[in-house]
Amino acid sequence: MKNKGLVISATEFLEEHSISESEFKDRIKKLQIPLLCRCPKTVTVYVSGSAIALNDNELRTAQSLSKLHKGTPFGEDHDYYSKLDLDIKFLSISVTDWEEIVDYDELSKYNFNLSVFYESGKDLTQTSAHELLKTSLKPLPALIIDAAFFITSKSSLNKPEEITIREADILIRTEDSNRILETIAEPDKNIEYLEWISDKLFELNRTSEKFIHKASITSEDERKELIEKIKKHLQEKCGYEGNDLLEQAAFAILPNGHYHAKVSKKILGDEIISQYPEHVSTTLMLINEAAKHFWQATQKTIQKVPAKRTDMIKDLKSSDWGFTARLASAAATIISLKARDH
């Protein structure tokens, strides 16, 4: 694929890095990152807009500067238009366009108000409609009021023609994908790696921060989708193995009300709850408190012998903790008191 390495699929980028659509939207707005779609080879790109060109042969009066627009094939309120001779590779769409494509699967457009990208050597160069319209009016000095890009088919010039853009067509520059990754807050900065926290528990706490912090579940389908994303992340990024472990770990960090099994709250007083962020589920709090409990128990022995997994499971199934057999087994694996990898 031409331009390979310069651009990547936005959809694949989100899936690969487990980035939610809302988080992606926040990043591209904050960083002012352009969303791109390929410019079909079958179209011609024009720039059209309204401008005041200060022609030496024209009387410069207040009336002449505010005269009625001349009109172009692309807009009655425009004055000038120009066919672009640049090798346009990509057209830029707005965040609003992208949201509509995500919601309705596709969007038809013939006008683009942001930027275009053309090939310059081995790189892509970005330019705006304002810049290109101003360039097309040179040597006359011009005040550009409004400008946009319009596309036509090569067979019917000067007549706007829509193209259909689908979610799979949306791209971002590779350099912009790196900027997004660099600016996404790392959960490590908010989660302490305390002595009693195992590698797997630390990763589960991070995963809760990543997926649950801004999660909004309004339907059973959304709940299932979130569970699958969490399981995929835990397996691919955190080294979790086994269907039971993955499923119970995903259930454990779901927001309260979305994990159907009941757990005991005897252990959790107001003082303990206040130590955790609001998005942390009751079950995840209990797993952390259990990890602390078993670690403290081992510190009381002379030989510092790790608590046996069978003893952990038995305790977690007691009325004090209220874990189901499956959750207790998964939790014992997660809070393992073996030496950490690092």
Protein backbone atom coordinates (compact mmCIF):
# COMPACT_ATOMS: atom_id res chain seq x y z
CA MET A 1 0.00 0.00 0.00
CA LYS A 2 1.38 3.38 -1.00
CA ASN A 3 2.15 5.75 1.87
CA LYS A 4 2.57 2.68 4.09
CA GLY A 5 4.43 3.71 7.21
CA LEU A 6 3.19 7.30 7.00
CA VAL A 7 -0.42 6.52 7.97
CA ILE A 8 -2.20 3.78 9.91
CA SER A 9 -5.81 2.68 10.33
CA ALA A 10 -7.51 4.50 13.20
CA THR A 11 -9.71 1.48 13.96
CA GLU A 12 -6.78 -0.92 14.13
CA PHE A 13 -4.84 1.57 16.27
CA LEU A 14 -7.68 1.74 18.82
CA GLU A 15 -8.00 -2.05 18.96
CA GLU A 16 -4.27 -2.69 19.22
CA HIS A 17 -3.79 -0.30 22.12
CA SER A 18 -7.19 -0.86 23.78
CA ILE A 19 -8.07 2.83 23.53
CA SER A 20 -11.74 3.74 23.94
CA GLU A 21 -13.48 5.93 21.37
CA SER A 22 -14.10 8.62 23.99
CA GLU A 23 -10.43 8.66 24.99
CA PHE A 24 -9.40 8.80 21.33
CA LYS A 25 -11.77 11.70 20.75
CA ASP A 26 -10.33 13.57 23.72
CA ARG A 27 -6.78 13.05 22.45
CA ILE A 28 -7.35 14.15 18.87
CA LYS A 29 -9.22 17.26 20.02
CA LYS A 30 -6.60 18.20 22.60
CA LEU A 31 -3.64 17.53 20.29
CA GLN A 32 -5.45 18.86 17.19
CA ILE A 33 -4.69 15.69 15.28
CA PRO A 34 -6.23 15.42 11.79
CA LEU A 35 -8.34 12.41 10.86
CA LEU A 36 -7.73 11.38 7.26
CA CYS A 37 -9.37 9.51 4.43
CA ARG A 38 -7.73 8.68 1.12
CA CYS A 39 -8.47 10.96 -1.80
CA PRO A 40 -9.81 8.75 -4.62
CA LYS A 41 -7.83 8.85 -7.87
CA THR A 42 -11.10 9.33 -9.76
CA VAL A 43 -11.75 12.82 -8.36
CA THR A 44 -10.41 16.33 -8.87
CA VAL A 45 -9.95 18.63 -5.89
CA TYR A 46 -10.85 22.32 -5.99
CA VAL A 47 -10.49 25.10 -3.46
CA SER A 48 -13.33 27.62 -3.34
CA GLY A 49 -14.05 30.49 -1.01
CA SER A 50 -14.94 34.09 -0.36
CA ALA A 51 -12.14 36.66 -0.41
CA ILE A 52 -11.35 40.30 -0.94
CA ALA A 53 -8.66 40.60 -3.60
CA LEU A 54 -7.20 44.09 -3.71
CA ASN A 55 -6.96 44.57 -7.48
CA ASP A 56 -5.13 47.76 -8.49
CA ASN A 57 -7.67 48.27 -11.25
CA GLU A 58 -10.59 48.19 -8.89
CA LEU A 59 -11.77 51.19 -6.91
CA ARG A 60 -11.19 50.42 -3.21
CA THR A 61 -14.22 51.78 -1.43
CA ALA A 62 -16.16 50.48 1.53
CA GLN A 63 -18.93 49.57 -0.87
CA SER A 64 -16.63 47.62 -3.21
CA LEU A 65 -15.10 45.68 -0.31
CA SER A 66 -18.53 44.59 0.89
CA LYS A 67 -19.94 43.87 -2.58
CA LEU A 68 -22.09 40.84 -3.32
CA HIS A 69 -20.22 37.59 -3.88
CA LYS A 70 -19.50 36.54 -7.44
CA GLY A 71 -20.46 32.92 -6.81
CA THR A 72 -18.59 29.78 -7.87
CA PRO A 73 -19.75 26.30 -8.93
CA PHE A 74 -19.29 25.32 -5.29
CA GLY A 75 -21.05 28.12 -3.43
CA GLU A 76 -23.12 31.22 -4.09
CA ASP A 77 -21.38 33.03 -1.23
CA HIS A 78 -17.93 32.40 -2.73
CA ASP A 79 -15.90 34.67 -4.98
CA TYR A 80 -12.99 32.63 -6.32
CA TYR A 81 -12.15 28.99 -6.98
CA SER A 82 -9.19 27.10 -8.33
CA LYS A 83 -8.40 23.57 -9.44
CA LEU A 84 -5.53 22.08 -7.44
CA ASP A 85 -2.62 20.66 -9.40
CA LEU A 86 -1.10 19.08 -6.27
CA ASP A 87 -0.97 15.31 -5.88
CA ILE A 88 -3.57 15.20 -3.08
CA LYS A 89 -3.28 11.94 -1.15
CA PHE A 90 -5.56 12.55 1.84
CA LEU A 91 -8.53 14.67 2.83
CA SER A 92 -9.06 15.61 6.47
CA ILE A 93 -12.40 15.20 8.26
CA SER A 94 -13.65 16.70 11.51
CA VAL A 95 -14.28 14.94 14.83
CA THR A 96 -18.01 15.49 14.23
CA ASP A 97 -17.73 13.70 10.87
CA TRP A 98 -15.89 10.83 12.52
CA GLU A 99 -18.58 10.49 15.23
CA GLU A 100 -21.28 10.36 12.55
CA ILE A 101 -19.37 7.66 10.66
CA VAL A 102 -18.99 5.61 13.87
CA ASP A 103 -22.70 5.99 14.69
CA TYR A 104 -24.12 5.43 11.20
CA ASP A 105 -21.39 3.29 9.55
CA GLU A 106 -20.74 5.78 6.75
CA LEU A 107 -20.87 9.40 5.65
CA SER A 108 -21.16 10.98 2.19
CA LYS A 109 -19.26 14.23 1.62
CA TYR A 110 -18.11 16.46 -1.22
CA ASN A 111 -16.76 19.41 0.81
CA PHE A 112 -13.90 19.37 3.30
CA ASN A 113 -13.23 22.36 5.53
CA LEU A 114 -9.98 21.32 7.16
CA SER A 115 -6.73 20.29 5.48
CA VAL A 116 -5.47 18.23 2.59
CA PHE A 117 -2.20 16.32 2.44
CA TYR A 118 -0.12 16.02 -0.68
CA GLU A 119 2.99 14.03 -1.37
CA SER A 120 6.22 15.98 -1.17
CA GLY A 121 9.18 13.73 -1.76
CA LYS A 122 8.81 10.85 0.66
CA ASP A 123 6.77 12.88 3.15
CA LEU A 124 3.28 14.28 3.41
CA THR A 125 2.76 18.03 3.45
CA GLN A 126 -0.32 19.52 5.09
CA THR A 127 -1.99 22.66 3.81
CA SER A 128 -5.28 24.47 4.39
CA ALA A 129 -7.92 25.77 1.99
CA HIS A 130 -7.17 29.33 3.15
CA GLU A 131 -3.50 28.97 2.21
CA LEU A 132 -4.17 27.48 -1.21
CA LEU A 133 -6.88 29.99 -2.14
CA LYS A 134 -4.57 32.84 -1.15
CA THR A 135 -1.78 31.31 -3.25
CA SER A 136 -4.07 30.97 -6.25
CA LEU A 137 -4.89 34.70 -6.09
CA LYS A 138 -1.29 35.86 -6.08
CA PRO A 139 0.22 38.28 -7.05
CA LEU A 140 -2.89 40.12 -5.84
CA PRO A 141 -2.89 40.63 -2.05
CA ALA A 142 -6.05 38.99 -0.72
CA LEU A 143 -8.00 38.79 2.51
CA ILE A 144 -9.47 35.30 2.73
CA ILE A 145 -12.82 35.28 4.50
CA ASP A 146 -13.81 31.66 4.02
CA ALA A 147 -12.49 28.68 2.05
CA ALA A 148 -13.01 24.94 1.70
CA PHE A 149 -12.04 22.01 -0.52
CA PHE A 150 -14.53 20.46 -2.94
CA ILE A 151 -14.28 17.33 -5.03
CA THR A 152 -15.67 16.54 -8.47
CA SER A 153 -15.34 13.53 -10.71
CA LYS A 154 -12.72 13.85 -13.41
CA SER A 155 -15.44 13.36 -16.02
CA SER A 156 -17.75 16.14 -14.79
CA LEU A 157 -15.58 19.04 -13.68
CA ASN A 158 -17.03 21.98 -11.72
CA LYS A 159 -19.84 19.79 -10.38
CA PRO A 160 -19.45 18.60 -6.76
CA GLU A 161 -19.60 14.84 -6.32
CA GLU A 162 -19.90 13.00 -3.03
CA ILE A 163 -17.64 10.20 -1.86
CA THR A 164 -18.67 7.68 0.79
CA ILE A 165 -16.41 7.38 3.85
CA ARG A 166 -16.64 4.37 6.17
CA GLU A 167 -15.09 3.75 9.57
CA ALA A 168 -12.48 1.41 8.06
CA ASP A 169 -11.39 4.26 5.76
CA ILE A 170 -10.31 6.58 8.59
CA LEU A 171 -6.55 6.96 9.01
CA ILE A 172 -4.14 8.89 11.19
CA ARG A 173 -0.52 9.73 10.57
CA THR A 174 1.92 7.39 12.28
CA GLU A 175 3.64 10.35 13.92
CA ASP A 176 0.28 11.40 15.39
CA SER A 177 -0.38 7.89 16.73
CA ASN A 178 2.91 8.15 18.63
CA ARG A 179 1.83 11.51 20.07
CA ILE A 180 -1.41 9.96 21.30
CA LEU A 181 0.43 7.10 23.01
CA GLU A 182 2.88 9.50 24.62
CA THR A 183 0.14 11.68 26.10
CA ILE A 184 -2.25 9.02 27.35
CA ALA A 185 -1.83 9.03 31.11
CA GLU A 186 -0.10 5.89 32.30
CA PRO A 187 -1.96 4.26 35.20
CA ASP A 188 1.46 3.48 36.78
CA LYS A 189 1.62 7.12 37.85
CA ASN A 190 -1.55 6.73 39.91
CA ILE A 191 -1.11 3.20 41.26
CA GLU A 192 1.55 2.35 43.79
CA TYR A 193 3.54 -0.86 43.46
CA LEU A 194 3.42 -1.71 47.16
CA GLU A 195 5.22 -4.66 48.69
CA TRP A 196 2.09 -6.78 49.06
CA ILE A 197 0.94 -6.24 45.46
CA SER A 198 1.82 -9.05 43.07
CA ASP A 199 2.56 -8.49 39.38
CA LYS A 200 -0.88 -9.79 38.37
CA LEU A 201 -2.69 -7.64 40.93
CA PHE A 202 -0.76 -4.57 39.85
CA GLU A 203 -1.78 -5.22 36.24
CA LEU A 204 -5.40 -5.75 37.28
CA ASN A 205 -5.39 -2.41 39.12
CA ARG A 206 -3.92 -0.76 36.02
CA THR A 207 -6.55 -2.40 33.83
CA SER A 208 -9.31 -1.09 36.07
CA GLU A 209 -7.86 2.42 35.76
CA LYS A 210 -7.60 2.06 31.98
CA PHE A 211 -11.02 0.58 31.19
CA ILE A 212 -13.32 1.42 34.11
CA HIS A 213 -12.21 4.95 34.96
CA LYS A 214 -14.39 6.46 32.18
CA ALA A 215 -16.58 3.45 31.38
CA SER A 216 -20.26 3.98 30.72
CA ILE A 217 -22.38 0.81 30.52
CA THR A 218 -25.98 1.38 29.44
CA SER A 219 -26.86 -2.02 27.97
CA GLU A 220 -26.03 -5.71 28.25
CA ASP A 221 -24.32 -5.55 24.86
CA GLU A 222 -22.00 -2.78 26.12
CA ARG A 223 -21.29 -4.84 29.24
CA LYS A 224 -20.33 -7.89 27.15
CA GLU A 225 -18.22 -5.78 24.83
CA LEU A 226 -16.32 -4.26 27.77
CA ILE A 227 -15.71 -7.70 29.30
CA GLU A 228 -14.24 -8.99 26.03
CA LYS A 229 -11.96 -5.93 25.70
CA ILE A 230 -10.73 -6.41 29.28
CA LYS A 231 -10.08 -10.13 28.77
CA LYS A 232 -8.19 -9.47 25.54
CA HIS A 233 -6.07 -6.80 27.25
CA LEU A 234 -5.29 -8.99 30.28
CA GLN A 235 -4.30 -11.89 28.05
CA GLU A 236 -2.24 -9.99 25.48
CA LYS A 237 -0.73 -7.20 27.57
CA CYS A 238 -0.64 -8.59 31.12
CA GLY A 239 0.17 -12.28 30.69
CA TYR A 240 -3.08 -13.60 32.19
CA GLU A 241 -3.81 -17.20 31.10
CA GLY A 242 -6.82 -19.50 31.41
CA ASN A 243 -10.47 -18.80 30.63
CA ASP A 244 -11.60 -18.89 34.26
CA LEU A 245 -8.91 -16.48 35.42
CA LEU A 246 -9.58 -14.06 32.55
CA GLU A 247 -13.33 -14.12 33.05
CA GLN A 248 -13.27 -13.72 36.83
CA ALA A 249 -10.64 -10.97 36.63
CA ALA A 250 -12.77 -9.08 34.10
CA PHE A 251 -15.90 -9.50 36.23
CA ALA A 252 -14.03 -8.36 39.34
CA ILE A 253 -13.21 -4.92 37.99
CA LEU A 254 -16.62 -4.17 36.44
CA PRO A 255 -18.37 -1.18 38.03
CA ASN A 256 -20.57 -2.07 40.99
CA GLY A 257 -23.92 -3.34 39.81
CA HIS A 258 -22.50 -5.04 36.72
CA TYR A 259 -20.88 -8.00 38.50
CA HIS A 260 -23.76 -10.37 39.22
CA ALA A 261 -22.14 -12.38 42.04
CA LYS A 262 -22.49 -10.96 45.56
CA VAL A 263 -19.44 -10.38 47.76
CA SER A 264 -19.29 -9.52 51.45
CA LYS A 265 -18.67 -5.95 52.57
CA LYS A 266 -17.78 -6.83 56.15
CA ILE A 267 -14.11 -6.09 55.55
CA LEU A 268 -14.74 -2.72 53.92
CA GLY A 269 -15.29 0.16 56.30
CA ASP A 270 -15.61 3.78 55.22
CA GLU A 271 -11.97 4.41 56.03
CA ILE A 272 -10.82 1.62 53.71
CA ILE A 273 -13.19 2.59 50.90
CA SER A 274 -11.96 6.19 51.02
CA GLN A 275 -8.45 4.98 50.13
CA TYR A 276 -9.58 3.83 46.67
CA PRO A 277 -10.58 5.88 43.59
CA GLU A 278 -14.33 6.07 42.93
CA HIS A 279 -14.20 3.84 39.86
CA VAL A 280 -12.70 0.87 41.77
CA SER A 281 -15.28 -1.89 42.26
CA THR A 282 -16.07 -3.42 45.64
CA THR A 283 -14.69 -6.74 44.41
CA LEU A 284 -11.36 -5.23 43.35
CA MET A 285 -11.09 -3.46 46.70
CA LEU A 286 -11.62 -6.82 48.42
CA ILE A 287 -8.96 -8.52 46.29
CA ASN A 288 -6.48 -5.79 47.21
CA GLU A 289 -7.43 -5.98 50.89
CA ALA A 290 -7.11 -9.78 50.78
CA ALA A 291 -3.65 -9.47 49.25
CA LYS A 292 -2.65 -7.10 52.05
CA HIS A 293 -4.22 -9.41 54.67
CA PHE A 294 -2.38 -12.55 53.51
CA TRP A 295 0.92 -10.69 53.08
CA GLN A 296 0.69 -9.26 56.61
CA ALA A 297 0.00 -12.75 57.93
CA THR A 298 3.20 -14.06 56.40
CA GLN A 299 5.19 -11.23 58.02
CA LYS A 300 4.22 -12.52 61.46
CA THR A 301 5.99 -15.85 60.93
CA ILE A 302 9.69 -16.26 61.57
CA GLN A 303 10.39 -18.05 58.29
CA LYS A 304 8.17 -15.74 56.19
CA VAL A 305 6.48 -18.72 54.48
CA PRO A 306 4.01 -17.61 51.77
CA ALA A 307 0.38 -18.41 52.47
CA LYS A 308 -0.74 -21.59 50.76
CA ARG A 309 -3.09 -21.15 47.82
CA THR A 310 -5.56 -23.67 49.26
CA ASP A 311 -5.70 -21.72 52.53
CA MET A 312 -6.29 -18.48 50.63
CA ILE A 313 -9.19 -19.99 48.69
CA LYS A 314 -10.74 -21.39 51.86
CA ASP A 315 -10.53 -18.02 53.65
CA LEU A 316 -11.87 -16.08 50.66
CA LYS A 317 -14.92 -18.37 50.49
CA SER A 318 -15.72 -17.62 54.14
CA SER A 319 -18.51 -15.26 55.17
CA ASP A 320 -15.96 -12.52 55.93
CA TRP A 321 -14.98 -12.22 52.27
CA GLY A 322 -17.92 -13.90 50.55
CA PHE A 323 -16.11 -14.88 47.35
CA THR A 324 -17.63 -17.55 45.10
CA ALA A 325 -15.49 -20.65 44.53
CA ARG A 326 -14.47 -19.46 41.05
CA LEU A 327 -13.69 -15.91 42.18
CA ALA A 328 -11.74 -17.20 45.21
CA SER A 329 -9.64 -19.46 42.97
CA ALA A 330 -8.94 -16.60 40.53
CA ALA A 331 -8.19 -14.15 43.33
CA ALA A 332 -5.70 -16.57 44.92
CA THR A 333 -3.84 -16.70 41.61
CA ILE A 334 -3.94 -12.92 41.24
CA ILE A 335 -2.67 -12.14 44.74
CA SER A 336 -0.01 -14.86 44.76
CA LEU A 337 2.68 -14.01 47.32
CA LYS A 338 5.48 -15.44 45.21
CA ALA A 339 8.42 -13.14 44.45
CA ARG A 340 7.61 -10.53 41.85
CA ASP A 341 9.22 -10.57 38.43
CA HIS A 342 10.79 -7.17 39.05
